[in-house]
Amino acid sequence: MTVFTNPVLPGMYPDPSVCRVGDTYYLANSSFEYFPGLPLHSSTDLVTWTPVGHAVDRPGQAALLDLAGVPDSGGLYAPTLRHHDGVFFLACTVVGGGADASFLLTATDPAGPWSDPVFLEGARGIDPTIFFHEGRAWWAGCRLAEPGAYPGQTEIWLRELDPVAGRLLGQEHILWTGAVAGAVWAEGPHLYAHDGWIYLVAAEGGTERNHAVSVARSRVVTGPYVGNPGNPILSHRQLGATASVQNVGHADLVEAGDGSWWALALGVRVRDGGHLLGRETFLAPVGWESGWPVVNPGAGRLGERGSTPFTSADAPTPADLHDTFPPGPLAAHWLGVRGPASGAHTAADGLHLESPPPATTTGADTGAVGSTSTPPPAPRTPTAFLGYRLRHPDLLAGIHLVLPHPGVTAGLALRQSDGFGLRIELAHAPAGWAVTAIAREAGVDTVLGRMRLGHVAAGAVLGLSAELSAAGVAFSVTVAGVTSLVALTDAALLTTERAGGFVGTLVGPFVSGEPGHPVTITAFDYAPLP
């Protein structure tokens, strides 16, 4: 038995999709504009999730998907991961940019290599899923109904799939438009066979406070489907604004080897009316009553704690991180914006991070996540940034860096999108070196506090840190062993409720200014606070 505390995969791991191969479960999540994309984990107990890689981890894949051209909160949406006849299949959609289409990836090992994306002609909309049943393969997706009975009404459509050729076949079938009249965005469909029925599980209500999971069933894959009279089968919208976990939905179900069923769903942990960690992955048991799935029987909502009857051979991922960037490939927990981080490589003395020239920048910024319906902020100086997912509501993160070239600005950023974020930066001015804390909201920078350091010896190592707590974000600088507070500010602009979009906050080093002068980051530290 393994006891768990939700979320089982904390931080920005939204839209979970799970499949089982033998006694091992594999999980995929959305990654939006970040690279490497589509993170994959494995587990034997549904609780202890070990990273195994990313399905999009080659620059060539990112180029085919035009990841460089996607907006904030665009990119790789809602994957579905399935296994059939020794092959892993991953269906996904890239939103924004030049591609803007659904595609299929395949691999014989979830650790890779994964194929280049195969785009499916006729696969309109988002949130594709794959279903293998009785010797045939099916592809279902979500798109706006035309015409819809009300704004935001969508339909779940289905066609047969040739999984080898990567193309759709035959007639299209409309399966579902949602359980509740007037509810928007029936999306994230998944299909399952159980006890002579085909079950269609879908999210609806949008991925905010009205999010929910509903289910319908049919005797045949192509329908017609009849909804569960008890829909929705999972939601926290009825709990009100004070609930600590909200926005619950987008579930995928999996049958364990012992015949039990489980759901992995997304949710957000709310503090002071907002969330900044992003949508996270939660676990719940599933029972069957009167031919319908029941999530967390007896409770009907996600539990704070629970247990599975399975055991894990893997140790949990440590909550703390101390990364000295040893020589070799950059650790997979580091994310670039819209592609590999420009000018980032490891060496014996740490990470060397260099500002990209204007012609090669991918638009990375040290702000945060804006709505895809909002025009991008005015361009800023090209910036190299590496981000690490925030996974705890209270934490301390920091970097140690060698004093940079005077023409370079370097620092630590909390990135929500290009337009929203917080940062602390070290820069040289006529009066000497200074550290400045800055808030960026809707593309506009505001100075929160500044500390002049005056003369600092060449080669000196300084520390920059951010402490996140209920009090806000405290930015500090450490020089010659002495730590000083630079600014204390509200964290609200890091929340999705303020910034819009669909992603969580990343923290990490950034560099801007004159190209050709890499900054040495000797260490990055991350630790949750009690």
Protein backbone atom coordinates (compact mmCIF):
# COMPACT_ATOMS: atom_id res chain seq x y z
CA MET A 1 0.00 0.00 0.00
CA THR A 2 1.14 3.54 -0.76
CA VAL A 3 -0.30 6.55 1.06
CA PHE A 4 -0.54 9.76 -0.95
CA THR A 5 -1.17 13.46 -0.50
CA ASN A 6 -2.75 15.35 -3.39
CA PRO A 7 -1.57 16.62 -5.75
CA VAL A 8 0.46 13.53 -6.62
CA LEU A 9 2.35 15.52 -9.26
CA PRO A 10 2.70 19.11 -8.00
CA GLY A 11 3.51 22.11 -10.14
CA MET A 12 2.50 22.90 -13.69
CA TYR A 13 1.45 19.43 -14.88
CA PRO A 14 -2.03 20.00 -16.36
CA ASP A 15 -4.31 17.84 -18.51
CA PRO A 16 -3.06 14.45 -17.28
CA SER A 17 -3.34 11.40 -19.54
CA VAL A 18 -2.44 7.95 -18.26
CA CYS A 19 -2.06 4.43 -19.61
CA ARG A 20 -0.88 1.14 -18.12
CA VAL A 21 1.61 -1.34 -19.56
CA GLY A 22 1.87 -4.40 -17.35
CA ASP A 23 2.33 -3.12 -13.81
CA THR A 24 3.70 0.27 -14.87
CA TYR A 25 1.67 3.42 -15.47
CA TYR A 26 2.78 6.17 -17.81
CA LEU A 27 1.62 9.77 -17.58
CA ALA A 28 1.74 12.65 -20.08
CA ASN A 29 0.90 16.32 -19.47
CA SER A 30 0.52 19.54 -21.42
CA SER A 31 3.52 21.86 -21.67
CA PHE A 32 2.21 24.84 -23.71
CA GLU A 33 5.03 27.14 -24.93
CA TYR A 34 7.81 25.45 -22.96
CA PHE A 35 10.58 23.18 -24.26
CA PRO A 36 11.29 20.32 -23.90
CA GLY A 37 7.60 19.61 -24.29
CA LEU A 38 5.06 16.99 -23.23
CA PRO A 39 6.69 15.64 -20.05
CA LEU A 40 6.39 11.91 -19.37
CA HIS A 41 6.48 10.11 -16.02
CA SER A 42 6.23 6.49 -14.90
CA SER A 43 4.88 4.91 -11.73
CA THR A 44 4.03 1.50 -10.29
CA ASP A 45 1.75 2.84 -7.54
CA LEU A 46 0.02 5.83 -9.25
CA VAL A 47 1.58 8.03 -6.56
CA THR A 48 5.35 8.08 -7.01
CA TRP A 49 5.93 9.58 -10.46
CA THR A 50 9.44 9.37 -11.90
CA PRO A 51 10.39 11.52 -14.91
CA VAL A 52 11.26 9.43 -17.97
CA GLY A 53 11.68 12.18 -20.55
CA HIS A 54 9.75 14.39 -22.95
CA ALA A 55 7.98 13.45 -26.16
CA VAL A 56 9.14 16.71 -27.79
CA ASP A 57 12.81 17.07 -26.91
CA ARG A 58 14.56 17.72 -30.22
CA PRO A 59 14.92 21.15 -31.83
CA GLY A 60 13.77 19.59 -35.10
CA GLN A 61 10.46 18.54 -33.55
CA ALA A 62 10.00 22.03 -32.09
CA ALA A 63 10.65 23.54 -35.53
CA LEU A 64 8.08 21.28 -37.23
CA LEU A 65 5.56 22.34 -34.58
CA ASP A 66 6.61 26.00 -34.96
CA LEU A 67 6.91 26.27 -31.21
CA ALA A 68 8.87 29.49 -31.70
CA GLY A 69 5.77 31.14 -33.14
CA VAL A 70 3.20 30.30 -30.47
CA PRO A 71 1.80 32.96 -28.11
CA ASP A 72 1.76 32.88 -24.33
CA SER A 73 -0.32 29.87 -23.26
CA GLY A 74 -0.23 28.57 -26.82
CA GLY A 75 1.76 25.53 -27.83
CA LEU A 76 1.20 21.93 -26.82
CA TYR A 77 -2.30 21.28 -25.46
CA ALA A 78 -3.89 18.28 -23.75
CA PRO A 79 -2.07 15.16 -24.94
CA THR A 80 -3.51 11.65 -24.84
CA LEU A 81 -1.08 8.79 -24.17
CA ARG A 82 -1.97 5.22 -25.15
CA HIS A 83 -0.11 1.92 -25.70
CA HIS A 84 -1.00 -0.71 -28.28
CA ASP A 85 0.90 -3.69 -29.72
CA GLY A 86 4.22 -2.56 -28.27
CA VAL A 87 3.94 1.04 -29.43
CA PHE A 88 3.20 4.20 -27.45
CA PHE A 89 0.93 6.66 -29.24
CA LEU A 90 0.66 10.30 -28.18
CA ALA A 91 -2.01 12.53 -29.73
CA CYS A 92 -1.78 16.27 -29.17
CA THR A 93 -2.54 19.71 -30.62
CA VAL A 94 -0.22 22.65 -31.18
CA VAL A 95 -2.16 25.91 -30.78
CA GLY A 96 -0.91 29.11 -32.39
CA GLY A 97 2.07 29.58 -34.63
CA GLY A 98 2.24 28.32 -38.19
CA ALA A 99 1.30 24.70 -37.50
CA ASP A 100 -1.86 25.11 -35.38
CA ALA A 101 -3.04 21.52 -35.86
CA SER A 102 -3.39 18.11 -34.22
CA PHE A 103 -0.60 15.58 -34.59
CA LEU A 104 0.54 12.09 -33.63
CA LEU A 105 3.84 10.96 -32.08
CA THR A 106 4.97 7.35 -31.64
CA ALA A 107 7.71 5.52 -29.73
CA THR A 108 8.48 2.00 -28.59
CA ASP A 109 9.97 3.33 -25.35
CA PRO A 110 8.41 6.25 -23.45
CA ALA A 111 11.94 7.51 -22.74
CA GLY A 112 12.31 7.97 -26.49
CA PRO A 113 13.23 8.52 -29.14
CA TRP A 114 9.82 9.79 -30.20
CA SER A 115 8.95 10.29 -33.84
CA ASP A 116 8.62 13.60 -35.57
CA PRO A 117 5.02 14.88 -35.47
CA VAL A 118 2.64 13.49 -38.08
CA PHE A 119 -0.14 16.01 -38.75
CA LEU A 120 -3.59 14.53 -39.41
CA GLU A 121 -5.59 16.10 -42.19
CA GLY A 122 -9.16 16.78 -41.09
CA ALA A 123 -8.39 16.60 -37.36
CA ARG A 124 -9.94 19.96 -36.50
CA GLY A 125 -10.05 21.42 -33.01
CA ILE A 126 -8.14 20.46 -29.88
CA ASP A 127 -7.78 17.74 -27.23
CA PRO A 128 -7.50 14.62 -29.43
CA THR A 129 -7.75 11.13 -27.98
CA ILE A 130 -7.02 7.65 -29.34
CA PHE A 131 -9.06 4.52 -28.61
CA PHE A 132 -8.10 0.97 -29.62
CA HIS A 133 -11.03 -1.44 -29.60
CA GLU A 134 -11.76 -4.79 -31.23
CA GLY A 135 -9.00 -4.51 -33.80
CA ARG A 136 -9.74 -0.94 -34.85
CA ALA A 137 -8.33 2.45 -33.87
CA TRP A 138 -10.36 5.62 -33.38
CA TRP A 139 -9.51 9.31 -33.09
CA ALA A 140 -11.81 11.73 -31.26
CA GLY A 141 -11.44 15.44 -30.70
CA CYS A 142 -13.21 18.62 -29.62
CA ARG A 143 -14.19 21.63 -31.73
CA LEU A 144 -16.66 24.49 -31.64
CA ALA A 145 -20.13 23.46 -32.81
CA GLU A 146 -21.13 25.24 -36.02
CA PRO A 147 -23.65 26.62 -35.44
CA GLY A 148 -23.78 26.19 -31.71
CA ALA A 149 -26.92 26.41 -29.63
CA TYR A 150 -25.08 28.92 -27.42
CA PRO A 151 -21.67 30.65 -27.38
CA GLY A 152 -18.88 28.28 -26.41
CA GLN A 153 -20.79 25.09 -27.22
CA THR A 154 -18.47 22.41 -28.54
CA GLU A 155 -18.90 18.95 -29.97
CA ILE A 156 -16.92 15.76 -29.55
CA TRP A 157 -16.37 14.15 -32.94
CA LEU A 158 -14.98 10.74 -33.93
CA ARG A 159 -13.36 9.13 -36.97
CA GLU A 160 -11.54 5.89 -37.54
CA LEU A 161 -7.74 6.12 -37.48
CA ASP A 162 -5.03 4.35 -39.43
CA PRO A 163 -2.37 4.52 -36.71
CA VAL A 164 0.44 3.33 -38.98
CA ALA A 165 -0.16 5.83 -41.78
CA GLY A 166 -1.30 8.55 -39.40
CA ARG A 167 -4.50 9.44 -41.25
CA LEU A 168 -8.21 9.54 -40.57
CA LEU A 169 -10.61 7.19 -42.33
CA GLY A 170 -14.29 6.95 -43.13
CA GLN A 171 -17.32 8.77 -41.84
CA GLU A 172 -17.31 11.36 -39.08
CA HIS A 173 -19.57 10.85 -36.06
CA ILE A 174 -20.70 13.54 -33.59
CA LEU A 175 -20.74 11.89 -30.16
CA TRP A 176 -21.49 14.55 -27.58
CA THR A 177 -22.08 18.24 -26.96
CA GLY A 178 -21.90 18.22 -23.17
CA ALA A 179 -24.02 17.11 -20.25
CA VAL A 180 -25.37 20.46 -19.08
CA ALA A 181 -27.24 22.81 -21.41
CA GLY A 182 -25.38 26.11 -21.54
CA ALA A 183 -22.12 24.68 -20.21
CA VAL A 184 -19.18 25.65 -22.40
CA TRP A 185 -16.30 23.63 -23.75
CA ALA A 186 -17.12 19.96 -23.64
CA GLU A 187 -13.50 18.91 -24.24
CA GLY A 188 -10.71 16.54 -23.26
CA PRO A 189 -12.59 13.40 -24.40
CA HIS A 190 -11.43 9.88 -23.56
CA LEU A 191 -13.04 6.54 -24.47
CA TYR A 192 -13.00 3.29 -22.48
CA ALA A 193 -14.52 -0.18 -22.81
CA HIS A 194 -16.04 -1.66 -19.66
CA ASP A 195 -18.65 -4.34 -19.06
CA GLY A 196 -20.07 -4.28 -22.58
CA TRP A 197 -20.30 -0.49 -22.76
CA ILE A 198 -18.17 2.21 -24.37
CA TYR A 199 -17.78 5.14 -21.99
CA LEU A 200 -17.03 8.69 -23.09
CA VAL A 201 -15.52 10.84 -20.34
CA ALA A 202 -15.14 14.56 -21.06
CA ALA A 203 -14.48 17.81 -19.26
CA GLU A 204 -16.86 20.74 -19.55
CA GLY A 205 -17.47 24.20 -18.12
CA GLY A 206 -14.05 25.60 -19.07
CA THR A 207 -10.85 25.06 -17.12
CA GLU A 208 -11.68 27.69 -14.49
CA ARG A 209 -14.04 27.59 -11.49
CA ASN A 210 -16.90 25.84 -13.37
CA HIS A 211 -14.72 22.97 -14.54
CA ALA A 212 -16.25 19.50 -14.28
CA VAL A 213 -16.07 15.93 -15.57
CA SER A 214 -19.08 14.21 -17.14
CA VAL A 215 -19.65 10.79 -18.69
CA ALA A 216 -21.86 9.22 -21.34
CA ARG A 217 -22.07 5.66 -22.66
CA SER A 218 -23.02 3.65 -25.72
CA ARG A 219 -23.06 0.03 -26.80
CA VAL A 220 -20.99 0.91 -29.89
CA VAL A 221 -18.07 3.26 -30.40
CA THR A 222 -19.86 5.47 -32.91
CA GLY A 223 -22.84 6.11 -30.63
CA PRO A 224 -25.42 7.28 -29.87
CA TYR A 225 -24.21 8.17 -26.38
CA VAL A 226 -26.51 8.69 -23.41
CA GLY A 227 -25.36 10.83 -20.50
CA ASN A 228 -25.19 9.74 -16.89
CA PRO A 229 -28.24 11.13 -15.03
CA GLY A 230 -25.86 11.93 -12.17
CA ASN A 231 -23.55 14.16 -14.23
CA PRO A 232 -21.13 15.69 -13.48
CA ILE A 233 -19.22 12.85 -11.83
CA LEU A 234 -16.47 15.17 -10.56
CA SER A 235 -16.32 18.89 -9.86
CA HIS A 236 -15.43 21.29 -7.07
CA ARG A 237 -17.55 24.17 -8.38
CA GLN A 238 -20.27 23.39 -5.85
CA LEU A 239 -17.81 23.93 -2.97
CA GLY A 240 -17.73 27.70 -3.40
CA ALA A 241 -14.98 30.28 -3.46
CA THR A 242 -13.37 29.21 -0.17
CA ALA A 243 -12.44 25.71 -1.35
CA SER A 244 -8.69 25.14 -1.21
CA VAL A 245 -8.70 23.05 -4.42
CA GLN A 246 -10.68 24.35 -7.38
CA ASN A 247 -10.97 24.18 -11.21
CA VAL A 248 -11.13 20.38 -11.00
CA GLY A 249 -11.64 18.53 -14.26
CA HIS A 250 -10.02 17.02 -17.36
CA ALA A 251 -9.80 13.48 -16.01
CA ASP A 252 -8.36 10.33 -17.57
CA LEU A 253 -9.25 6.91 -16.15
CA VAL A 254 -7.10 3.80 -15.99
CA GLU A 255 -7.81 0.21 -14.96
CA ALA A 256 -5.19 -1.30 -12.68
CA GLY A 257 -3.97 -4.87 -12.93
CA ASP A 258 -6.11 -5.87 -9.95
CA GLY A 259 -9.29 -4.63 -11.66
CA SER A 260 -9.59 -1.40 -9.68
CA TRP A 261 -10.08 1.89 -11.52
CA TRP A 262 -8.43 5.26 -10.89
CA ALA A 263 -8.77 8.82 -12.14
CA LEU A 264 -6.06 11.39 -12.66
CA ALA A 265 -7.47 14.91 -12.98
CA LEU A 266 -6.25 18.47 -12.88
CA GLY A 267 -6.94 20.95 -10.10
CA VAL A 268 -5.46 24.13 -8.66
CA ARG A 269 -4.47 25.00 -5.11
CA VAL A 270 -5.92 28.41 -4.29
CA ARG A 271 -4.63 30.99 -1.82
CA ASP A 272 -6.18 34.43 -1.39
CA GLY A 273 -8.45 33.82 -4.35
CA GLY A 274 -5.75 32.94 -6.85
CA HIS A 275 -3.33 30.23 -7.92
CA LEU A 276 0.18 30.62 -9.29
CA LEU A 277 1.55 27.06 -9.34
CA GLY A 278 -0.55 26.18 -12.36
CA ARG A 279 -2.91 23.28 -12.85
CA GLU A 280 -1.59 20.18 -11.08
CA THR A 281 -2.25 16.42 -11.27
CA PHE A 282 -4.50 14.86 -8.60
CA LEU A 283 -5.43 11.21 -7.98
CA ALA A 284 -8.75 9.63 -6.94
CA PRO A 285 -10.17 6.09 -6.82
CA VAL A 286 -13.07 5.22 -9.11
CA GLY A 287 -15.87 2.78 -8.32
CA TRP A 288 -18.67 1.46 -10.54
CA GLU A 289 -22.30 1.69 -9.46
CA SER A 290 -25.32 0.87 -11.62
CA GLY A 291 -23.15 0.86 -14.72
CA TRP A 292 -21.56 4.28 -14.17
CA PRO A 293 -18.16 5.40 -12.81
CA VAL A 294 -18.18 7.08 -9.39
CA VAL A 295 -15.15 9.19 -8.50
CA ASN A 296 -13.97 8.80 -4.90
CA PRO A 297 -17.08 6.93 -3.70
CA GLY A 298 -18.57 8.32 -0.52
CA ALA A 299 -16.96 11.72 -1.02
CA GLY A 300 -17.55 12.67 -4.65
CA ARG A 301 -14.59 15.03 -4.80
CA LEU A 302 -10.81 14.90 -4.69
CA GLY A 303 -9.44 13.89 -1.33
CA GLU A 304 -6.57 15.65 0.36
CA ARG A 305 -5.09 12.25 1.18
CA GLY A 306 -5.64 8.65 0.17
CA SER A 307 -3.91 5.37 -0.56
CA THR A 308 -3.44 2.86 -3.34
CA PRO A 309 -2.95 -0.89 -2.82
CA PHE A 310 0.24 -0.81 -4.90
CA THR A 311 3.91 -0.37 -4.04
CA SER A 312 6.69 1.59 -5.69
CA ALA A 313 10.25 0.62 -6.40
CA ASP A 314 11.20 4.25 -6.96
CA ALA A 315 11.99 6.86 -4.35
CA PRO A 316 9.87 10.03 -4.43
CA THR A 317 11.35 13.01 -6.24
CA PRO A 318 13.12 15.13 -3.60
CA ALA A 319 11.34 18.34 -2.72
CA ASP A 320 14.65 20.21 -2.56
CA LEU A 321 16.94 20.87 -5.50
CA HIS A 322 20.58 21.92 -5.46
CA ASP A 323 21.79 22.12 -9.06
CA THR A 324 25.43 22.99 -9.74
CA PHE A 325 25.03 22.38 -13.49
CA PRO A 326 27.69 19.68 -13.93
CA PRO A 327 29.19 19.31 -17.42
CA GLY A 328 26.97 17.46 -19.84
CA PRO A 329 23.38 17.83 -21.04
CA LEU A 330 21.26 20.28 -19.11
CA ALA A 331 18.98 18.51 -16.62
CA ALA A 332 15.50 17.83 -18.02
CA HIS A 333 13.80 19.83 -15.25
CA TRP A 334 15.00 23.03 -16.94
CA LEU A 335 12.64 24.56 -19.48
CA GLY A 336 13.22 27.05 -22.25
CA VAL A 337 10.58 29.36 -23.70
CA ARG A 338 9.38 28.42 -27.21
CA GLY A 339 12.46 26.30 -27.82
CA PRO A 340 15.85 25.46 -26.32
CA ALA A 341 17.25 28.27 -24.19
CA SER A 342 19.62 30.29 -26.34
CA GLY A 343 23.22 30.37 -25.21
CA ALA A 344 22.85 27.89 -22.33
CA HIS A 345 25.49 25.24 -21.70
CA THR A 346 27.14 23.63 -18.71
CA ALA A 347 30.82 23.68 -17.81
CA ALA A 348 33.09 22.74 -14.93
CA ASP A 349 32.29 26.00 -13.13
CA GLY A 350 28.51 25.89 -13.63
CA LEU A 351 25.93 27.11 -16.12
CA HIS A 352 27.01 29.58 -18.79
CA LEU A 353 24.01 31.62 -19.90
CA GLU A 354 24.35 34.17 -22.68
CA SER A 355 21.94 36.74 -24.06
CA PRO A 356 20.86 35.82 -27.59
CA PRO A 357 21.39 38.22 -30.49
CA PRO A 358 18.20 39.98 -31.63
CA ALA A 359 17.96 38.00 -34.87
CA THR A 360 17.81 34.63 -33.10
CA THR A 361 15.67 35.32 -30.05
CA THR A 362 12.57 33.14 -29.68
CA GLY A 363 10.71 35.82 -27.79
CA ALA A 364 11.65 34.55 -24.35
CA ASP A 365 11.01 37.13 -21.69
CA THR A 366 11.26 37.37 -17.94
CA GLY A 367 7.61 38.27 -17.48
CA ALA A 368 4.73 35.79 -16.99
CA VAL A 369 1.66 34.18 -18.60
CA GLY A 370 -0.86 36.32 -20.49
CA SER A 371 -4.11 35.28 -22.11
CA THR A 372 -3.83 34.09 -25.68
CA SER A 373 -6.52 36.63 -26.55
CA THR A 374 -4.34 39.52 -25.36
CA PRO A 375 -1.87 41.12 -27.79
CA PRO A 376 1.74 40.39 -26.82
CA PRO A 377 3.57 43.09 -24.86
CA ALA A 378 6.05 45.39 -26.54
CA PRO A 379 9.32 43.62 -27.38
CA ARG A 380 12.04 43.74 -24.75
CA THR A 381 15.74 43.19 -24.92
CA PRO A 382 16.35 39.59 -26.05
CA THR A 383 16.61 37.43 -22.96
CA ALA A 384 17.97 33.97 -22.22
CA PHE A 385 15.90 32.26 -19.52
CA LEU A 386 15.79 28.83 -17.93
CA GLY A 387 12.76 27.96 -15.82
CA TYR A 388 12.03 25.45 -13.08
CA ARG A 389 8.43 24.67 -12.11
CA LEU A 390 7.23 26.07 -8.79
CA ARG A 391 5.81 23.08 -6.90
CA HIS A 392 5.07 24.49 -3.44
CA PRO A 393 3.00 27.46 -2.21
CA ASP A 394 5.79 28.42 0.21
CA LEU A 395 9.35 28.17 -1.03
CA LEU A 396 12.80 29.70 -1.26
CA ALA A 397 14.61 29.77 -4.61
CA GLY A 398 17.90 31.38 -5.49
CA ILE A 399 20.96 31.49 -7.68
CA HIS A 400 24.64 32.16 -7.13
CA LEU A 401 26.30 33.98 -10.01
CA VAL A 402 29.69 35.37 -10.82
CA LEU A 403 29.74 39.15 -11.29
CA PRO A 404 28.89 39.60 -14.99
CA HIS A 405 30.34 41.81 -17.70
CA PRO A 406 29.20 45.46 -17.21
CA GLY A 407 27.19 45.33 -20.44
CA VAL A 408 25.06 42.45 -19.21
CA THR A 409 22.08 42.27 -16.86
CA ALA A 410 21.58 38.98 -14.99
CA GLY A 411 19.13 37.85 -12.38
CA LEU A 412 16.44 35.55 -11.08
CA ALA A 413 12.95 35.66 -12.58
CA LEU A 414 9.53 34.37 -11.58
CA ARG A 415 7.98 34.01 -15.04
CA GLN A 416 4.25 33.78 -15.64
CA SER A 417 4.29 34.98 -19.26
CA ASP A 418 5.97 37.50 -21.50
CA GLY A 419 3.75 40.17 -19.97
CA PHE A 420 3.58 39.18 -16.30
CA GLY A 421 6.29 38.31 -13.81
CA LEU A 422 8.62 39.36 -11.03
CA ARG A 423 12.40 39.49 -11.09
CA ILE A 424 15.49 40.61 -9.25
CA GLU A 425 18.41 41.67 -11.42
CA LEU A 426 22.03 42.74 -11.14
CA ALA A 427 23.23 45.48 -13.49
CA HIS A 428 26.04 48.01 -13.78
CA ALA A 429 25.38 51.75 -13.81
CA PRO A 430 27.68 54.79 -13.77
CA ALA A 431 27.56 54.78 -9.97
CA GLY A 432 28.51 51.10 -9.80
CA TRP A 433 26.65 47.84 -9.44
CA ALA A 434 23.04 47.78 -8.24
CA VAL A 435 20.38 45.16 -7.59
CA THR A 436 16.81 46.00 -8.59
CA ALA A 437 13.53 44.18 -7.94
CA ILE A 438 10.99 44.67 -10.74
CA ALA A 439 7.34 43.78 -11.30
CA ARG A 440 6.13 43.31 -14.87
CA GLU A 441 2.38 43.57 -15.46
CA ALA A 442 0.69 43.74 -18.85
CA GLY A 443 4.11 44.36 -20.39
CA VAL A 444 4.95 47.35 -18.16
CA ASP A 445 7.89 47.25 -15.73
CA THR A 446 7.68 48.87 -12.29
CA VAL A 447 10.64 49.16 -9.92
CA LEU A 448 9.83 47.71 -6.50
CA GLY A 449 13.11 48.41 -4.79
CA ARG A 450 16.79 49.01 -5.50
CA MET A 451 20.00 48.51 -3.57
CA ARG A 452 23.26 50.07 -4.72
CA LEU A 453 26.26 47.84 -4.19
CA GLY A 454 28.92 50.26 -5.37
CA HIS A 455 32.22 48.58 -6.15
CA VAL A 456 32.22 44.79 -6.32
CA ALA A 457 35.44 42.93 -7.02
CA ALA A 458 35.71 41.16 -10.36
CA GLY A 459 35.04 37.45 -9.99
CA ALA A 460 32.92 37.89 -6.86
CA VAL A 461 30.03 35.46 -6.41
CA LEU A 462 26.70 37.01 -5.39
CA GLY A 463 23.41 35.44 -4.39
CA LEU A 464 19.94 36.48 -5.55
CA SER A 465 16.87 34.89 -4.00
CA ALA A 466 13.08 34.94 -3.94
CA GLU A 467 11.04 33.72 -0.98
CA LEU A 468 7.38 32.99 -1.68
CA SER A 469 4.92 32.85 1.22
CA ALA A 470 1.50 34.06 2.27
CA ALA A 471 3.11 37.45 2.83
CA GLY A 472 4.10 37.72 -0.85
CA VAL A 473 7.50 37.54 -2.54
CA ALA A 474 10.63 38.75 -0.75
CA PHE A 475 13.63 39.47 -2.98
CA SER A 476 17.08 39.49 -1.40
CA VAL A 477 20.73 39.82 -2.38
CA THR A 478 23.73 38.24 -0.67
CA VAL A 479 27.15 39.88 -0.96
CA ALA A 480 30.21 38.69 0.99
CA GLY A 481 28.00 36.51 3.18
CA VAL A 482 25.60 39.31 4.13
CA THR A 483 21.98 38.99 2.97
CA SER A 484 19.85 42.11 2.51
CA LEU A 485 16.18 42.48 1.62
CA VAL A 486 15.66 44.43 -1.61
CA ALA A 487 11.86 44.38 -1.86
CA LEU A 488 8.72 42.67 -0.56
CA THR A 489 5.79 42.57 -2.96
CA ASP A 490 2.41 40.99 -3.57
CA ALA A 491 2.46 37.74 -5.57
CA ALA A 492 -0.98 38.29 -7.12
CA LEU A 493 0.31 39.23 -10.56
CA LEU A 494 1.77 35.72 -10.85
CA THR A 495 -1.69 34.17 -10.57
CA THR A 496 -3.69 33.02 -13.56
CA GLU A 497 -6.64 34.97 -12.18
CA ARG A 498 -4.63 38.18 -12.68
CA ALA A 499 -2.44 37.30 -15.67
CA GLY A 500 -4.80 35.05 -17.63
CA GLY A 501 -3.66 32.06 -19.61
CA PHE A 502 -3.29 28.42 -18.67
CA VAL A 503 0.16 27.91 -17.17
CA GLY A 504 1.92 28.12 -13.83
CA THR A 505 4.94 30.06 -12.65
CA LEU A 506 8.53 29.11 -13.38
CA VAL A 507 11.60 30.35 -11.51
CA GLY A 508 15.12 30.52 -12.82
CA PRO A 509 18.09 32.53 -14.06
CA PHE A 510 17.98 35.01 -16.93
CA VAL A 511 20.50 37.09 -18.85
CA SER A 512 19.98 40.05 -21.18
CA GLY A 513 22.17 42.72 -22.70
CA GLU A 514 25.26 42.45 -24.87
CA PRO A 515 25.68 39.07 -26.58
CA GLY A 516 29.07 37.40 -26.35
CA HIS A 517 29.42 37.76 -22.58
CA PRO A 518 28.06 34.61 -20.89
CA VAL A 519 27.20 34.81 -17.22
CA THR A 520 28.31 31.97 -14.95
CA ILE A 521 25.61 30.62 -12.64
CA THR A 522 27.41 28.45 -10.10
CA ALA A 523 24.30 27.03 -8.43
CA PHE A 524 20.51 27.08 -8.29
CA ASP A 525 18.67 26.17 -5.09
CA TYR A 526 15.00 25.42 -4.49
CA ALA A 527 13.43 24.34 -1.21
CA PRO A 528 9.90 24.29 0.19
CA LEU A 529 9.30 26.21 3.39
CA PRO A 530 7.41 24.76 6.36
